[in-house]
Amino acid sequence: MAVWHYRKSPLPGMDRMEKEMAAQEQQQPQSRDVEVETDAPEAPPAAPEAQASVATQGVDDLLDEIDGVLESNAEEFVRAFVQKGGQ
């Protein structure tokens, strides 16, 4: 016949922490049903080529802006990125 011995946790306060964790597990978040009305119907998904075009347009605009800054004052632009004082 097996004899079971209950052994307390080796760390002080562990029993209390186990009880708190069990209490937290029993608490379940309440879900809230929220209905949102929209007047505009959803647009159908765009073709992958159109999505890629829109995504790259923003990048192209940013690169054009950087090119413009570099053409007018490249030295100042580079100095802004040079680390000073060992930082």
N, C-alpha and C. Protein backbone atom coordinates (compact mmCIF):
# COMPACT_ATOMS: atom_id res chain seq x y z
N MET A 1 0.84 -1.17 0.00
CA MET A 1 0.00 0.00 0.00
C MET A 1 0.89 1.24 0.00
N ALA A 2 0.61 2.18 -0.90
CA ALA A 2 1.42 3.39 -1.02
C ALA A 2 0.99 4.41 0.02
N VAL A 3 1.97 5.07 0.56
CA VAL A 3 1.70 6.12 1.54
C VAL A 3 2.12 7.44 0.92
N TRP A 4 1.21 8.37 0.89
CA TRP A 4 1.49 9.68 0.31
C TRP A 4 1.78 10.66 1.43
N HIS A 5 2.84 11.39 1.27
CA HIS A 5 3.19 12.41 2.24
C HIS A 5 3.05 13.76 1.56
N TYR A 6 2.35 14.65 2.24
CA TYR A 6 2.23 16.01 1.72
C TYR A 6 3.45 16.78 2.18
N ARG A 7 4.15 17.34 1.26
CA ARG A 7 5.34 18.10 1.58
C ARG A 7 5.09 19.55 1.20
N LYS A 8 5.35 20.44 2.11
CA LYS A 8 5.18 21.86 1.83
C LYS A 8 6.25 22.33 0.86
N SER A 9 5.94 23.39 0.18
CA SER A 9 6.86 23.95 -0.80
C SER A 9 8.14 24.40 -0.11
N PRO A 10 9.30 24.19 -0.75
CA PRO A 10 10.57 24.58 -0.13
C PRO A 10 10.75 26.09 -0.05
N LEU A 11 9.99 26.84 -0.82
CA LEU A 11 10.14 28.29 -0.81
C LEU A 11 9.07 28.91 0.07
N PRO A 12 9.45 29.86 0.94
CA PRO A 12 8.45 30.49 1.80
C PRO A 12 7.44 31.27 0.95
N GLY A 13 6.19 31.16 1.33
CA GLY A 13 5.15 31.89 0.61
C GLY A 13 4.68 31.20 -0.65
N MET A 14 5.21 30.05 -0.98
CA MET A 14 4.86 29.38 -2.23
C MET A 14 3.41 28.89 -2.18
N ASP A 15 2.96 28.41 -1.02
CA ASP A 15 1.58 27.95 -0.91
C ASP A 15 0.61 29.09 -1.20
N ARG A 16 0.91 30.27 -0.69
CA ARG A 16 0.07 31.44 -0.92
C ARG A 16 0.06 31.79 -2.40
N MET A 17 1.23 31.72 -3.04
CA MET A 17 1.31 32.04 -4.46
C MET A 17 0.53 31.03 -5.29
N GLU A 18 0.59 29.76 -4.90
CA GLU A 18 -0.17 28.74 -5.62
C GLU A 18 -1.66 29.00 -5.51
N LYS A 19 -2.12 29.43 -4.33
CA LYS A 19 -3.54 29.73 -4.15
C LYS A 19 -3.94 30.94 -5.00
N GLU A 20 -3.09 31.95 -5.04
CA GLU A 20 -3.38 33.14 -5.85
C GLU A 20 -3.44 32.79 -7.33
N MET A 21 -2.53 31.94 -7.77
CA MET A 21 -2.52 31.54 -9.18
C MET A 21 -3.78 30.75 -9.51
N ALA A 22 -4.21 29.89 -8.61
CA ALA A 22 -5.42 29.11 -8.84
C ALA A 22 -6.63 30.04 -8.91
N ALA A 23 -6.66 31.06 -8.06
CA ALA A 23 -7.77 32.01 -8.08
C ALA A 23 -7.77 32.80 -9.38
N GLN A 24 -6.59 33.16 -9.87
CA GLN A 24 -6.51 33.91 -11.13
C GLN A 24 -6.95 33.04 -12.29
N GLU A 25 -6.63 31.76 -12.26
CA GLU A 25 -7.03 30.86 -13.34
C GLU A 25 -8.54 30.71 -13.38
N GLN A 26 -9.19 30.79 -12.21
CA GLN A 26 -10.63 30.64 -12.17
C GLN A 26 -11.33 31.87 -12.72
N GLN A 27 -10.71 33.03 -12.61
CA GLN A 27 -11.30 34.25 -13.13
C GLN A 27 -11.14 34.24 -14.64
N GLN A 28 -12.26 34.37 -15.32
CA GLN A 28 -12.21 34.40 -16.77
C GLN A 28 -12.69 35.76 -17.23
N PRO A 29 -11.99 36.33 -18.19
CA PRO A 29 -12.40 37.65 -18.67
C PRO A 29 -13.78 37.56 -19.31
N GLN A 30 -14.55 38.60 -19.07
CA GLN A 30 -15.88 38.66 -19.65
C GLN A 30 -15.78 39.28 -21.03
N SER A 31 -16.37 38.60 -21.98
CA SER A 31 -16.34 39.16 -23.33
C SER A 31 -17.50 40.13 -23.47
N ARG A 32 -17.25 41.16 -24.21
CA ARG A 32 -18.26 42.18 -24.45
C ARG A 32 -18.61 42.16 -25.93
N ASP A 33 -19.88 42.03 -26.18
CA ASP A 33 -20.33 42.07 -27.57
C ASP A 33 -20.60 43.52 -27.94
N VAL A 34 -19.88 43.99 -28.91
CA VAL A 34 -20.03 45.37 -29.36
C VAL A 34 -20.39 45.34 -30.83
N GLU A 35 -21.48 45.99 -31.14
CA GLU A 35 -21.89 46.08 -32.53
C GLU A 35 -21.52 47.46 -33.05
N VAL A 36 -20.88 47.47 -34.17
CA VAL A 36 -20.47 48.72 -34.79
C VAL A 36 -21.15 48.81 -36.14
N GLU A 37 -21.88 49.88 -36.33
CA GLU A 37 -22.55 50.07 -37.61
C GLU A 37 -21.68 50.92 -38.51
N THR A 38 -21.57 50.50 -39.73
CA THR A 38 -20.83 51.28 -40.71
C THR A 38 -21.74 51.60 -41.86
N ASP A 39 -21.64 52.81 -42.36
CA ASP A 39 -22.48 53.23 -43.47
C ASP A 39 -21.89 52.79 -44.80
N ALA A 40 -20.58 52.76 -44.89
CA ALA A 40 -19.93 52.44 -46.15
C ALA A 40 -19.73 50.93 -46.26
N PRO A 41 -20.08 50.36 -47.39
CA PRO A 41 -19.82 48.93 -47.57
C PRO A 41 -18.33 48.69 -47.73
N GLU A 42 -17.92 47.49 -47.38
CA GLU A 42 -16.50 47.16 -47.50
C GLU A 42 -16.11 47.07 -48.97
N ALA A 43 -14.95 47.60 -49.27
CA ALA A 43 -14.46 47.54 -50.65
C ALA A 43 -13.95 46.14 -50.92
N PRO A 44 -14.14 45.65 -52.11
CA PRO A 44 -13.60 44.33 -52.42
C PRO A 44 -12.08 44.37 -52.38
N PRO A 45 -11.44 43.27 -52.02
CA PRO A 45 -9.98 43.27 -51.95
C PRO A 45 -9.37 43.57 -53.32
N ALA A 46 -8.33 44.37 -53.29
CA ALA A 46 -7.65 44.74 -54.53
C ALA A 46 -6.79 43.59 -55.02
N ALA A 47 -6.48 43.65 -56.28
CA ALA A 47 -5.61 42.63 -56.87
C ALA A 47 -4.22 42.74 -56.25
N PRO A 48 -3.48 41.64 -56.15
CA PRO A 48 -2.14 41.69 -55.54
C PRO A 48 -1.22 42.71 -56.21
N GLU A 49 -1.34 42.86 -57.51
CA GLU A 49 -0.49 43.83 -58.20
C GLU A 49 -0.81 45.25 -57.74
N ALA A 50 -2.10 45.54 -57.55
CA ALA A 50 -2.50 46.88 -57.11
C ALA A 50 -2.03 47.13 -55.68
N GLN A 51 -2.12 46.11 -54.82
CA GLN A 51 -1.67 46.26 -53.44
C GLN A 51 -0.17 46.52 -53.40
N ALA A 52 0.59 45.82 -54.21
CA ALA A 52 2.04 46.01 -54.24
C ALA A 52 2.36 47.40 -54.75
N SER A 53 1.61 47.88 -55.72
CA SER A 53 1.85 49.21 -56.28
C SER A 53 1.61 50.29 -55.23
N VAL A 54 0.52 50.15 -54.46
CA VAL A 54 0.21 51.12 -53.42
C VAL A 54 1.27 51.08 -52.33
N ALA A 55 1.72 49.89 -51.95
CA ALA A 55 2.72 49.75 -50.90
C ALA A 55 4.06 50.34 -51.31
N THR A 56 4.45 50.16 -52.54
CA THR A 56 5.75 50.67 -52.97
C THR A 56 5.72 52.15 -53.30
N GLN A 57 4.54 52.70 -53.54
CA GLN A 57 4.45 54.13 -53.86
C GLN A 57 4.93 54.97 -52.68
N GLY A 58 4.54 54.61 -51.47
CA GLY A 58 4.98 55.35 -50.28
C GLY A 58 6.48 55.28 -50.10
N VAL A 59 7.05 54.12 -50.35
CA VAL A 59 8.50 53.95 -50.24
C VAL A 59 9.21 54.78 -51.31
N ASP A 60 8.67 54.75 -52.52
CA ASP A 60 9.27 55.54 -53.60
C ASP A 60 9.25 57.02 -53.28
N ASP A 61 8.14 57.51 -52.72
CA ASP A 61 8.05 58.92 -52.35
C ASP A 61 9.09 59.27 -51.29
N LEU A 62 9.26 58.40 -50.30
CA LEU A 62 10.24 58.65 -49.24
C LEU A 62 11.65 58.67 -49.80
N LEU A 63 11.96 57.74 -50.68
CA LEU A 63 13.29 57.72 -51.29
C LEU A 63 13.54 58.96 -52.13
N ASP A 64 12.53 59.44 -52.84
CA ASP A 64 12.67 60.67 -53.62
C ASP A 64 12.96 61.86 -52.71
N GLU A 65 12.28 61.90 -51.55
CA GLU A 65 12.51 62.99 -50.60
C GLU A 65 13.94 62.94 -50.05
N ILE A 66 14.42 61.75 -49.73
CA ILE A 66 15.79 61.60 -49.22
C ILE A 66 16.79 62.02 -50.29
N ASP A 67 16.55 61.64 -51.53
CA ASP A 67 17.44 62.05 -52.63
C ASP A 67 17.50 63.57 -52.73
N GLY A 68 16.35 64.22 -52.58
CA GLY A 68 16.32 65.68 -52.65
C GLY A 68 17.13 66.31 -51.54
N VAL A 69 17.02 65.78 -50.33
CA VAL A 69 17.78 66.31 -49.20
C VAL A 69 19.27 66.10 -49.43
N LEU A 70 19.65 64.93 -49.91
CA LEU A 70 21.06 64.64 -50.14
C LEU A 70 21.65 65.52 -51.23
N GLU A 71 20.87 65.84 -52.24
CA GLU A 71 21.38 66.71 -53.31
C GLU A 71 21.62 68.12 -52.81
N SER A 72 20.78 68.60 -51.90
CA SER A 72 20.93 69.99 -51.45
C SER A 72 21.93 70.14 -50.31
N ASN A 73 21.97 69.24 -49.36
CA ASN A 73 22.91 69.38 -48.23
C ASN A 73 23.33 68.01 -47.70
N ALA A 74 24.08 67.28 -48.48
CA ALA A 74 24.52 65.94 -48.10
C ALA A 74 25.43 65.95 -46.88
N GLU A 75 26.30 66.94 -46.81
CA GLU A 75 27.25 66.98 -45.69
C GLU A 75 26.53 67.11 -44.36
N GLU A 76 25.55 67.98 -44.30
CA GLU A 76 24.78 68.17 -43.06
C GLU A 76 23.99 66.90 -42.73
N PHE A 77 23.46 66.25 -43.74
CA PHE A 77 22.71 65.01 -43.54
C PHE A 77 23.59 63.93 -42.93
N VAL A 78 24.81 63.81 -43.43
CA VAL A 78 25.74 62.79 -42.92
C VAL A 78 26.18 63.13 -41.51
N ARG A 79 26.41 64.39 -41.21
CA ARG A 79 26.83 64.79 -39.86
C ARG A 79 25.77 64.43 -38.83
N ALA A 80 24.52 64.46 -39.22
CA ALA A 80 23.44 64.15 -38.28
C ALA A 80 23.52 62.70 -37.82
N PHE A 81 24.13 61.84 -38.61
CA PHE A 81 24.21 60.43 -38.26
C PHE A 81 25.56 60.00 -37.71
N VAL A 82 26.53 60.91 -37.64
CA VAL A 82 27.85 60.58 -37.11
C VAL A 82 27.75 60.53 -35.59
N GLN A 83 28.27 59.48 -35.00
CA GLN A 83 28.24 59.36 -33.55
C GLN A 83 29.32 60.26 -32.95
N LYS A 84 28.93 60.97 -31.91
CA LYS A 84 29.86 61.89 -31.27
C LYS A 84 30.11 61.45 -29.83
N GLY A 85 31.32 61.61 -29.37
CA GLY A 85 31.65 61.34 -27.97
C GLY A 85 31.52 59.88 -27.57
N GLY A 86 31.71 58.98 -28.49
CA GLY A 86 31.68 57.56 -28.16
C GLY A 86 30.29 57.01 -27.91
N GLN A 87 29.28 57.71 -28.32
CA GLN A 87 27.91 57.24 -28.10
C GLN A 87 27.53 56.20 -29.12
